[in-house]
Amino acid sequence: MNLNDLHQMTDSFNKTEKMPVLFLGHGSPMNAIEENQFVAGFRNIGKDIPKPKAILCISAHWETRGTLVTAMKNPMTIHDFGGFPKELFDVQYPAPGSPELAKEIKDNIHNTQVGLDEKWGLDHGCWSVVKHLYPKADIPVIQMSLDYYQSPQYHYDLAKELAPLRNQGILILGSGNIVHNLGKVAWDKLNASEYGYDWALEADETMKKYIVNGDHASLINYKSQGTAFNLAVPTPDHFLPLLYALALKDESEKITLFNDKLVGGSLSMTSLKID
């Protein structure tokens, strides 16, 4: 084998199939341990995409001042909730971290300063869904925080700078819910096959229309979309991860919706794959 052959072989190892992008409606933390149609949807999508070299998750449950990425070798499993059964608190997702990927992201984001975090870990917006995609916890996972001082446009633009990671075998995953109003949940209808308030149904359908039609501007400007949107997105945390996913879509790529149902009247489990 000559040097040219060796160089070509090395190059082939570095080239990877372009990874899809996911937005997962994570819903209740109980989805981590329950068997239901949404968990089945997560598992099926995990089987449908190439195995990534690492995962970058943007979770609704890590809001910070400034933008951070987790940079520890062994992120802890964070049980950032209360009032649930002990079995849920016993769940551990011991995926390794990737300080190397964290540093690469920090060095290659130019429109804002990205900090390296050693304290956070994997919150339930991340591990409660990723564990169904990759139950062996054998793929490195890092999280990027949501800067709650910044506008939706900031988050959309920041996401675009992450695009090169898709060609390096990195699965970028947003985790939230496009309709998420815990204050209006119909707790007595949580087990209904599908139930949604009129405003939740309106917002969910309109959002999906914007998503499928590529109308990102209307989603970025969700605060100007009327009463249904204001009730569906009372705070931005669960909505912003959607913008990260959509910002990474190329014009030639398609969107596949799954887990497309409302629960409890005011929560949408709608998820999507971009590839």
C-alpha atoms as a PDB file:
ATOM      1  CA  MET A   1       0.000   0.000   0.000  1.00  0.00           C
ATOM      2  CA  ASN A   2       1.522   3.352  -1.039  1.00  0.00           C
ATOM      3  CA  LEU A   3       1.051   6.697   0.698  1.00  0.00           C
ATOM      4  CA  ASN A   4      -1.639   7.794  -1.760  1.00  0.00           C
ATOM      5  CA  ASP A   5      -3.718   4.681  -1.039  1.00  0.00           C
ATOM      6  CA  LEU A   6      -3.347   5.279   2.692  1.00  0.00           C
ATOM      7  CA  HIS A   7      -4.426   8.902   2.298  1.00  0.00           C
ATOM      8  CA  GLN A   8      -7.530   7.858   0.360  1.00  0.00           C
ATOM      9  CA  MET A   9      -8.444   5.299   3.015  1.00  0.00           C
ATOM     10  CA  THR A  10      -8.068   7.875   5.771  1.00  0.00           C
ATOM     11  CA  ASP A  11     -10.267  10.309   3.848  1.00  0.00           C
ATOM     12  CA  SER A  12     -12.982   7.688   3.481  1.00  0.00           C
ATOM     13  CA  PHE A  13     -13.089   7.217   7.240  1.00  0.00           C
ATOM     14  CA  ASN A  14     -13.640  10.948   7.720  1.00  0.00           C
ATOM     15  CA  LYS A  15     -16.493  11.193   5.230  1.00  0.00           C
ATOM     16  CA  THR A  16     -19.893  10.304   6.639  1.00  0.00           C
ATOM     17  CA  GLU A  17     -23.413  10.186   5.322  1.00  0.00           C
ATOM     18  CA  LYS A  18     -25.197  13.452   6.057  1.00  0.00           C
ATOM     19  CA  MET A  19     -27.119  12.961   9.278  1.00  0.00           C
ATOM     20  CA  PRO A  20     -30.796  13.813   9.565  1.00  0.00           C
ATOM     21  CA  VAL A  21     -32.072  16.340  12.102  1.00  0.00           C
ATOM     22  CA  LEU A  22     -34.753  15.546  14.664  1.00  0.00           C
ATOM     23  CA  PHE A  23     -37.219  17.500  16.728  1.00  0.00           C
ATOM     24  CA  LEU A  24     -38.825  15.304  19.379  1.00  0.00           C
ATOM     25  CA  GLY A  25     -41.919  16.223  21.355  1.00  0.00           C
ATOM     26  CA  HIS A  26     -40.803  14.782  24.686  1.00  0.00           C
ATOM     27  CA  GLY A  27     -43.950  15.327  26.759  1.00  0.00           C
ATOM     28  CA  SER A  28     -44.108  13.881  30.273  1.00  0.00           C
ATOM     29  CA  PRO A  29     -40.934  12.520  31.904  1.00  0.00           C
ATOM     30  CA  MET A  30     -42.939   9.309  32.385  1.00  0.00           C
ATOM     31  CA  ASN A  31     -42.350   8.576  28.709  1.00  0.00           C
ATOM     32  CA  ALA A  32     -38.903   7.479  29.837  1.00  0.00           C
ATOM     33  CA  ILE A  33     -40.323   4.374  31.537  1.00  0.00           C
ATOM     34  CA  GLU A  34     -43.767   3.850  30.014  1.00  0.00           C
ATOM     35  CA  GLU A  35     -44.705   1.831  26.958  1.00  0.00           C
ATOM     36  CA  ASN A  36     -46.909   3.876  24.643  1.00  0.00           C
ATOM     37  CA  GLN A  37     -47.294   5.006  21.054  1.00  0.00           C
ATOM     38  CA  PHE A  38     -44.894   7.913  21.514  1.00  0.00           C
ATOM     39  CA  VAL A  39     -42.102   5.726  22.886  1.00  0.00           C
ATOM     40  CA  ALA A  40     -42.678   3.374  19.949  1.00  0.00           C
ATOM     41  CA  GLY A  41     -42.324   6.372  17.626  1.00  0.00           C
ATOM     42  CA  PHE A  42     -38.976   7.299  19.180  1.00  0.00           C
ATOM     43  CA  ARG A  43     -37.711   3.732  18.851  1.00  0.00           C
ATOM     44  CA  ASN A  44     -38.812   3.469  15.241  1.00  0.00           C
ATOM     45  CA  ILE A  45     -37.080   6.685  14.265  1.00  0.00           C
ATOM     46  CA  GLY A  46     -33.895   5.449  15.946  1.00  0.00           C
ATOM     47  CA  LYS A  47     -33.981   2.373  13.708  1.00  0.00           C
ATOM     48  CA  ASP A  48     -34.669   4.502  10.626  1.00  0.00           C
ATOM     49  CA  ILE A  49     -31.594   6.722  10.723  1.00  0.00           C
ATOM     50  CA  PRO A  50     -27.839   6.047  10.531  1.00  0.00           C
ATOM     51  CA  LYS A  51     -26.072   5.471  13.833  1.00  0.00           C
ATOM     52  CA  PRO A  52     -24.407   8.780  14.754  1.00  0.00           C
ATOM     53  CA  LYS A  53     -20.880   9.295  16.009  1.00  0.00           C
ATOM     54  CA  ALA A  54     -22.256  11.690  18.636  1.00  0.00           C
ATOM     55  CA  ILE A  55     -25.453  13.536  19.540  1.00  0.00           C
ATOM     56  CA  LEU A  56     -25.939  17.254  20.133  1.00  0.00           C
ATOM     57  CA  CYS A  57     -29.191  17.886  21.979  1.00  0.00           C
ATOM     58  CA  ILE A  58     -30.894  21.252  22.415  1.00  0.00           C
ATOM     59  CA  SER A  59     -33.314  20.662  25.301  1.00  0.00           C
ATOM     60  CA  ALA A  60     -36.133  22.866  26.551  1.00  0.00           C
ATOM     61  CA  HIS A  61     -34.923  22.217  30.081  1.00  0.00           C
ATOM     62  CA  TRP A  62     -31.533  23.939  30.043  1.00  0.00           C
ATOM     63  CA  GLU A  63     -31.931  27.709  30.003  1.00  0.00           C
ATOM     64  CA  THR A  64     -28.935  29.886  30.791  1.00  0.00           C
ATOM     65  CA  ARG A  65     -27.521  33.371  30.497  1.00  0.00           C
ATOM     66  CA  GLY A  66     -25.332  32.996  27.444  1.00  0.00           C
ATOM     67  CA  THR A  67     -24.874  29.888  25.300  1.00  0.00           C
ATOM     68  CA  LEU A  68     -23.120  26.878  26.819  1.00  0.00           C
ATOM     69  CA  VAL A  69     -22.232  23.341  25.757  1.00  0.00           C
ATOM     70  CA  THR A  70     -21.562  20.476  28.136  1.00  0.00           C
ATOM     71  CA  ALA A  71     -17.882  19.554  28.022  1.00  0.00           C
ATOM     72  CA  MET A  72     -17.413  16.808  30.609  1.00  0.00           C
ATOM     73  CA  LYS A  73     -16.354  13.242  29.818  1.00  0.00           C
ATOM     74  CA  ASN A  74     -19.140  11.648  31.847  1.00  0.00           C
ATOM     75  CA  PRO A  75     -22.307  13.774  32.093  1.00  0.00           C
ATOM     76  CA  MET A  76     -24.615  12.926  34.966  1.00  0.00           C
ATOM     77  CA  THR A  77     -28.263  11.996  34.510  1.00  0.00           C
ATOM     78  CA  ILE A  78     -30.289  14.928  35.867  1.00  0.00           C
ATOM     79  CA  HIS A  79     -33.711  14.223  37.385  1.00  0.00           C
ATOM     80  CA  ASP A  80     -35.023  17.762  37.012  1.00  0.00           C
ATOM     81  CA  PHE A  81     -38.629  17.155  38.079  1.00  0.00           C
ATOM     82  CA  GLY A  82     -40.681  16.255  41.128  1.00  0.00           C
ATOM     83  CA  GLY A  83     -43.748  14.273  42.126  1.00  0.00           C
ATOM     84  CA  PHE A  84     -43.052  11.211  39.991  1.00  0.00           C
ATOM     85  CA  PRO A  85     -42.536   7.558  40.994  1.00  0.00           C
ATOM     86  CA  LYS A  86     -39.230   6.343  42.384  1.00  0.00           C
ATOM     87  CA  GLU A  87     -38.753   4.177  39.298  1.00  0.00           C
ATOM     88  CA  LEU A  88     -38.308   7.314  37.221  1.00  0.00           C
ATOM     89  CA  PHE A  89     -35.704   8.747  39.578  1.00  0.00           C
ATOM     90  CA  ASP A  90     -33.843   5.442  39.438  1.00  0.00           C
ATOM     91  CA  VAL A  91     -33.287   5.745  35.686  1.00  0.00           C
ATOM     92  CA  GLN A  92     -29.713   6.435  34.669  1.00  0.00           C
ATOM     93  CA  TYR A  93     -28.492   7.132  31.159  1.00  0.00           C
ATOM     94  CA  PRO A  94     -24.700   6.782  31.406  1.00  0.00           C
ATOM     95  CA  ALA A  95     -23.784   7.943  27.903  1.00  0.00           C
ATOM     96  CA  PRO A  96     -20.294   9.433  27.633  1.00  0.00           C
ATOM     97  CA  GLY A  97     -19.783  13.084  26.841  1.00  0.00           C
ATOM     98  CA  SER A  98     -17.474  14.523  24.201  1.00  0.00           C
ATOM     99  CA  PRO A  99     -15.190  17.354  25.327  1.00  0.00           C
ATOM    100  CA  GLU A 100     -13.708  17.293  21.811  1.00  0.00           C
ATOM    101  CA  LEU A 101     -17.046  17.989  20.145  1.00  0.00           C
ATOM    102  CA  ALA A 102     -17.866  20.661  22.709  1.00  0.00           C
ATOM    103  CA  LYS A 103     -14.596  22.444  21.936  1.00  0.00           C
ATOM    104  CA  GLU A 104     -15.165  22.142  18.198  1.00  0.00           C
ATOM    105  CA  ILE A 105     -18.573  23.797  18.557  1.00  0.00           C
ATOM    106  CA  LYS A 106     -17.117  26.543  20.726  1.00  0.00           C
ATOM    107  CA  ASP A 107     -14.327  27.213  18.204  1.00  0.00           C
ATOM    108  CA  ASN A 108     -16.572  27.206  15.130  1.00  0.00           C
ATOM    109  CA  ILE A 109     -19.470  29.386  16.302  1.00  0.00           C
ATOM    110  CA  HIS A 110     -18.655  32.945  15.268  1.00  0.00           C
ATOM    111  CA  ASN A 111     -21.800  35.011  15.874  1.00  0.00           C
ATOM    112  CA  THR A 112     -21.754  34.518  19.635  1.00  0.00           C
ATOM    113  CA  GLN A 113     -19.437  33.323  22.366  1.00  0.00           C
ATOM    114  CA  VAL A 114     -20.015  29.742  23.473  1.00  0.00           C
ATOM    115  CA  GLY A 115     -18.917  28.656  26.940  1.00  0.00           C
ATOM    116  CA  LEU A 116     -17.826  25.176  28.031  1.00  0.00           C
ATOM    117  CA  ASP A 117     -19.869  23.815  30.938  1.00  0.00           C
ATOM    118  CA  GLU A 118     -18.668  21.194  33.448  1.00  0.00           C
ATOM    119  CA  LYS A 119     -21.665  21.231  35.830  1.00  0.00           C
ATOM    120  CA  TRP A 120     -24.886  20.401  33.975  1.00  0.00           C
ATOM    121  CA  GLY A 121     -25.181  16.961  32.393  1.00  0.00           C
ATOM    122  CA  LEU A 122     -28.149  15.393  30.592  1.00  0.00           C
ATOM    123  CA  ASP A 123     -31.577  16.667  31.668  1.00  0.00           C
ATOM    124  CA  HIS A 124     -34.820  14.781  31.117  1.00  0.00           C
ATOM    125  CA  GLY A 125     -35.583  16.671  27.911  1.00  0.00           C
ATOM    126  CA  CYS A 126     -32.563  14.852  26.549  1.00  0.00           C
ATOM    127  CA  TRP A 127     -32.230  11.435  28.208  1.00  0.00           C
ATOM    128  CA  SER A 128     -35.931  10.594  28.428  1.00  0.00           C
ATOM    129  CA  VAL A 129     -36.100  10.430  24.633  1.00  0.00           C
ATOM    130  CA  VAL A 130     -32.529   9.559  23.629  1.00  0.00           C
ATOM    131  CA  LYS A 131     -32.687   6.417  25.783  1.00  0.00           C
ATOM    132  CA  HIS A 132     -35.362   5.058  23.449  1.00  0.00           C
ATOM    133  CA  LEU A 133     -33.337   5.819  20.324  1.00  0.00           C
ATOM    134  CA  TYR A 134     -30.101   4.396  21.718  1.00  0.00           C
ATOM    135  CA  PRO A 135     -30.817   2.256  24.802  1.00  0.00           C
ATOM    136  CA  LYS A 136     -27.225   1.028  25.113  1.00  0.00           C
ATOM    137  CA  ALA A 137     -26.053   4.577  25.985  1.00  0.00           C
ATOM    138  CA  ASP A 138     -22.985   3.931  23.842  1.00  0.00           C
ATOM    139  CA  ILE A 139     -23.055   7.152  21.803  1.00  0.00           C
ATOM    140  CA  PRO A 140     -21.496  10.370  23.187  1.00  0.00           C
ATOM    141  CA  VAL A 141     -24.097  13.023  24.028  1.00  0.00           C
ATOM    142  CA  ILE A 142     -23.626  16.714  24.691  1.00  0.00           C
ATOM    143  CA  GLN A 143     -26.182  19.455  25.257  1.00  0.00           C
ATOM    144  CA  MET A 144     -26.346  23.064  24.115  1.00  0.00           C
ATOM    145  CA  SER A 145     -28.224  25.497  26.344  1.00  0.00           C
ATOM    146  CA  LEU A 146     -30.909  28.013  25.424  1.00  0.00           C
ATOM    147  CA  ASP A 147     -29.919  31.602  26.156  1.00  0.00           C
ATOM    148  CA  TYR A 148     -33.191  32.937  27.591  1.00  0.00           C
ATOM    149  CA  TYR A 149     -32.114  36.561  27.028  1.00  0.00           C
ATOM    150  CA  GLN A 150     -32.031  36.123  23.253  1.00  0.00           C
ATOM    151  CA  SER A 151     -34.691  36.385  20.548  1.00  0.00           C
ATOM    152  CA  PRO A 152     -36.070  33.501  18.466  1.00  0.00           C
ATOM    153  CA  GLN A 153     -34.146  34.913  15.490  1.00  0.00           C
ATOM    154  CA  TYR A 154     -30.907  34.619  17.482  1.00  0.00           C
ATOM    155  CA  HIS A 155     -31.558  30.931  18.133  1.00  0.00           C
ATOM    156  CA  TYR A 156     -32.479  30.266  14.498  1.00  0.00           C
ATOM    157  CA  ASP A 157     -29.313  31.972  13.252  1.00  0.00           C
ATOM    158  CA  LEU A 158     -27.151  30.187  15.814  1.00  0.00           C
ATOM    159  CA  ALA A 159     -28.530  26.839  14.680  1.00  0.00           C
ATOM    160  CA  LYS A 160     -27.446  27.509  11.089  1.00  0.00           C
ATOM    161  CA  GLU A 161     -23.847  27.630  12.270  1.00  0.00           C
ATOM    162  CA  LEU A 162     -24.181  24.049  13.472  1.00  0.00           C
ATOM    163  CA  ALA A 163     -24.897  22.742   9.959  1.00  0.00           C
ATOM    164  CA  PRO A 164     -21.354  21.415   9.229  1.00  0.00           C
ATOM    165  CA  LEU A 165     -21.725  18.943  12.102  1.00  0.00           C
ATOM    166  CA  ARG A 166     -24.289  17.004  10.072  1.00  0.00           C
ATOM    167  CA  ASN A 167     -21.534  15.969   7.646  1.00  0.00           C
ATOM    168  CA  GLN A 168     -19.386  14.701  10.513  1.00  0.00           C
ATOM    169  CA  GLY A 169     -21.809  12.067  11.737  1.00  0.00           C
ATOM    170  CA  ILE A 170     -23.377  14.250  14.426  1.00  0.00           C
ATOM    171  CA  LEU A 171     -27.094  13.878  15.099  1.00  0.00           C
ATOM    172  CA  ILE A 172     -28.577  17.254  16.069  1.00  0.00           C
ATOM    173  CA  LEU A 173     -31.748  16.842  18.095  1.00  0.00           C
ATOM    174  CA  GLY A 174     -34.134  19.468  19.440  1.00  0.00           C
ATOM    175  CA  SER A 175     -36.337  18.346  22.335  1.00  0.00           C
ATOM    176  CA  GLY A 176     -39.423  20.288  23.429  1.00  0.00           C
ATOM    177  CA  ASN A 177     -43.101  20.537  22.476  1.00  0.00           C
ATOM    178  CA  ILE A 178     -44.589  22.842  19.840  1.00  0.00           C
ATOM    179  CA  VAL A 179     -47.737  23.268  21.947  1.00  0.00           C
ATOM    180  CA  HIS A 180     -46.897  23.307  25.646  1.00  0.00           C
ATOM    181  CA  ASN A 181     -49.138  24.939  28.235  1.00  0.00           C
ATOM    182  CA  LEU A 182     -48.910  23.031  31.519  1.00  0.00           C
ATOM    183  CA  GLY A 183     -51.182  25.530  33.235  1.00  0.00           C
ATOM    184  CA  LYS A 184     -54.104  24.429  31.081  1.00  0.00           C
ATOM    185  CA  VAL A 185     -53.603  20.659  31.002  1.00  0.00           C
ATOM    186  CA  ALA A 186     -56.860  18.685  31.262  1.00  0.00           C
ATOM    187  CA  TRP A 187     -55.527  16.159  33.766  1.00  0.00           C
ATOM    188  CA  ASP A 188     -58.749  14.135  33.620  1.00  0.00           C
ATOM    189  CA  LYS A 189     -58.209  13.578  29.887  1.00  0.00           C
ATOM    190  CA  LEU A 190     -54.544  12.555  29.901  1.00  0.00           C
ATOM    191  CA  ASN A 191     -55.484   9.002  28.992  1.00  0.00           C
ATOM    192  CA  ALA A 192     -57.842  10.016  26.207  1.00  0.00           C
ATOM    193  CA  SER A 193     -56.730   8.743  22.817  1.00  0.00           C
ATOM    194  CA  GLU A 194     -56.478  12.331  21.590  1.00  0.00           C
ATOM    195  CA  TYR A 195     -57.937  15.491  23.046  1.00  0.00           C
ATOM    196  CA  GLY A 196     -57.101  19.114  22.384  1.00  0.00           C
ATOM    197  CA  TYR A 197     -58.583  22.489  23.221  1.00  0.00           C
ATOM    198  CA  ASP A 198     -59.731  24.442  20.168  1.00  0.00           C
ATOM    199  CA  TRP A 199     -56.854  26.894  20.508  1.00  0.00           C
ATOM    200  CA  ALA A 200     -54.342  24.034  20.861  1.00  0.00           C
ATOM    201  CA  LEU A 201     -55.697  22.294  17.769  1.00  0.00           C
ATOM    202  CA  GLU A 202     -55.590  25.570  15.828  1.00  0.00           C
ATOM    203  CA  ALA A 203     -52.015  26.343  16.867  1.00  0.00           C
ATOM    204  CA  ASP A 204     -50.832  22.778  16.245  1.00  0.00           C
ATOM    205  CA  GLU A 205     -52.347  22.631  12.752  1.00  0.00           C
ATOM    206  CA  THR A 206     -51.089  26.091  11.802  1.00  0.00           C
ATOM    207  CA  MET A 207     -47.593  25.329  13.058  1.00  0.00           C
ATOM    208  CA  LYS A 208     -47.495  22.090  11.075  1.00  0.00           C
ATOM    209  CA  LYS A 209     -48.631  23.983   7.963  1.00  0.00           C
ATOM    210  CA  TYR A 210     -45.796  26.487   8.437  1.00  0.00           C
ATOM    211  CA  ILE A 211     -43.317  23.644   9.064  1.00  0.00           C
ATOM    212  CA  VAL A 212     -44.279  21.667   5.961  1.00  0.00           C
ATOM    213  CA  ASN A 213     -44.446  24.779   3.756  1.00  0.00           C
ATOM    214  CA  GLY A 214     -41.078  26.060   4.955  1.00  0.00           C
ATOM    215  CA  ASP A 215     -42.545  29.254   6.419  1.00  0.00           C
ATOM    216  CA  HIS A 216     -39.891  29.669   9.080  1.00  0.00           C
ATOM    217  CA  ALA A 217     -40.441  33.421   9.354  1.00  0.00           C
ATOM    218  CA  SER A 218     -43.935  32.944  10.781  1.00  0.00           C
ATOM    219  CA  LEU A 219     -42.602  30.455  13.321  1.00  0.00           C
ATOM    220  CA  ILE A 220     -39.726  32.729  14.308  1.00  0.00           C
ATOM    221  CA  ASN A 221     -42.314  35.479  14.799  1.00  0.00           C
ATOM    222  CA  TYR A 222     -44.684  33.203  16.712  1.00  0.00           C
ATOM    223  CA  LYS A 223     -45.550  35.963  19.201  1.00  0.00           C
ATOM    224  CA  SER A 224     -47.301  37.846  16.392  1.00  0.00           C
ATOM    225  CA  GLN A 225     -49.471  34.925  15.276  1.00  0.00           C
ATOM    226  CA  GLY A 226     -52.472  35.585  17.503  1.00  0.00           C
ATOM    227  CA  THR A 227     -54.272  34.202  20.540  1.00  0.00           C
ATOM    228  CA  ALA A 228     -53.943  30.495  19.738  1.00  0.00           C
ATOM    229  CA  PHE A 229     -50.152  30.780  19.442  1.00  0.00           C
ATOM    230  CA  ASN A 230     -49.907  32.861  22.618  1.00  0.00           C
ATOM    231  CA  LEU A 231     -51.752  30.148  24.539  1.00  0.00           C
ATOM    232  CA  ALA A 232     -49.748  27.376  22.879  1.00  0.00           C
ATOM    233  CA  VAL A 233     -46.386  29.022  23.609  1.00  0.00           C
ATOM    234  CA  PRO A 234     -46.767  30.891  26.919  1.00  0.00           C
ATOM    235  CA  THR A 235     -42.979  30.636  27.411  1.00  0.00           C
ATOM    236  CA  PRO A 236     -40.405  30.049  24.663  1.00  0.00           C
ATOM    237  CA  ASP A 237     -38.395  27.198  26.226  1.00  0.00           C
ATOM    238  CA  HIS A 238     -40.263  24.247  24.675  1.00  0.00           C
ATOM    239  CA  PHE A 239     -40.758  25.972  21.316  1.00  0.00           C
ATOM    240  CA  LEU A 240     -37.217  27.179  20.596  1.00  0.00           C
ATOM    241  CA  PRO A 241     -35.723  23.696  20.027  1.00  0.00           C
ATOM    242  CA  LEU A 242     -38.042  23.436  17.004  1.00  0.00           C
ATOM    243  CA  LEU A 243     -36.348  26.472  15.463  1.00  0.00           C
ATOM    244  CA  TYR A 244     -32.939  24.807  15.849  1.00  0.00           C
ATOM    245  CA  ALA A 245     -34.154  21.825  13.845  1.00  0.00           C
ATOM    246  CA  LEU A 246     -35.857  23.873  11.117  1.00  0.00           C
ATOM    247  CA  ALA A 247     -32.859  26.173  10.663  1.00  0.00           C
ATOM    248  CA  LEU A 248     -30.788  23.134   9.662  1.00  0.00           C
ATOM    249  CA  LYS A 249     -33.089  22.039   6.851  1.00  0.00           C
ATOM    250  CA  ASP A 250     -31.744  22.283   3.308  1.00  0.00           C
ATOM    251  CA  GLU A 251     -34.162  23.221   0.529  1.00  0.00           C
ATOM    252  CA  SER A 252     -33.917  19.781  -1.053  1.00  0.00           C
ATOM    253  CA  GLU A 253     -34.719  17.914   2.160  1.00  0.00           C
ATOM    254  CA  LYS A 254     -38.126  16.624   3.197  1.00  0.00           C
ATOM    255  CA  ILE A 255     -39.874  16.696   6.561  1.00  0.00           C
ATOM    256  CA  THR A 256     -41.549  13.643   8.047  1.00  0.00           C
ATOM    257  CA  LEU A 257     -43.980  14.152  10.927  1.00  0.00           C
ATOM    258  CA  PHE A 258     -44.583  11.440  13.530  1.00  0.00           C
ATOM    259  CA  ASN A 259     -46.103  11.121  17.032  1.00  0.00           C
ATOM    260  CA  ASP A 260     -48.520  13.716  15.694  1.00  0.00           C
ATOM    261  CA  LYS A 261     -51.066  13.894  18.527  1.00  0.00           C
ATOM    262  CA  LEU A 262     -52.249  16.168  21.323  1.00  0.00           C
ATOM    263  CA  VAL A 263     -52.452  14.949  24.923  1.00  0.00           C
ATOM    264  CA  GLY A 264     -54.121  16.510  27.946  1.00  0.00           C
ATOM    265  CA  GLY A 265     -55.714  19.204  25.827  1.00  0.00           C
ATOM    266  CA  SER A 266     -52.708  21.513  25.747  1.00  0.00           C
ATOM    267  CA  LEU A 267     -49.601  19.451  24.896  1.00  0.00           C
ATOM    268  CA  SER A 268     -48.527  18.420  21.392  1.00  0.00           C
ATOM    269  CA  MET A 269     -46.278  15.402  20.955  1.00  0.00           C
ATOM    270  CA  THR A 270     -45.721  16.288  17.278  1.00  0.00           C
ATOM    271  CA  SER A 271     -42.188  15.321  16.252  1.00  0.00           C
ATOM    272  CA  LEU A 272     -40.309  15.548  12.985  1.00  0.00           C
ATOM    273  CA  LYS A 273     -37.411  14.168  11.022  1.00  0.00           C
ATOM    274  CA  ILE A 274     -35.542  16.213   8.419  1.00  0.00           C
ATOM    275  CA  ASP A 275     -33.524  14.377   5.778  1.00  0.00           C
END
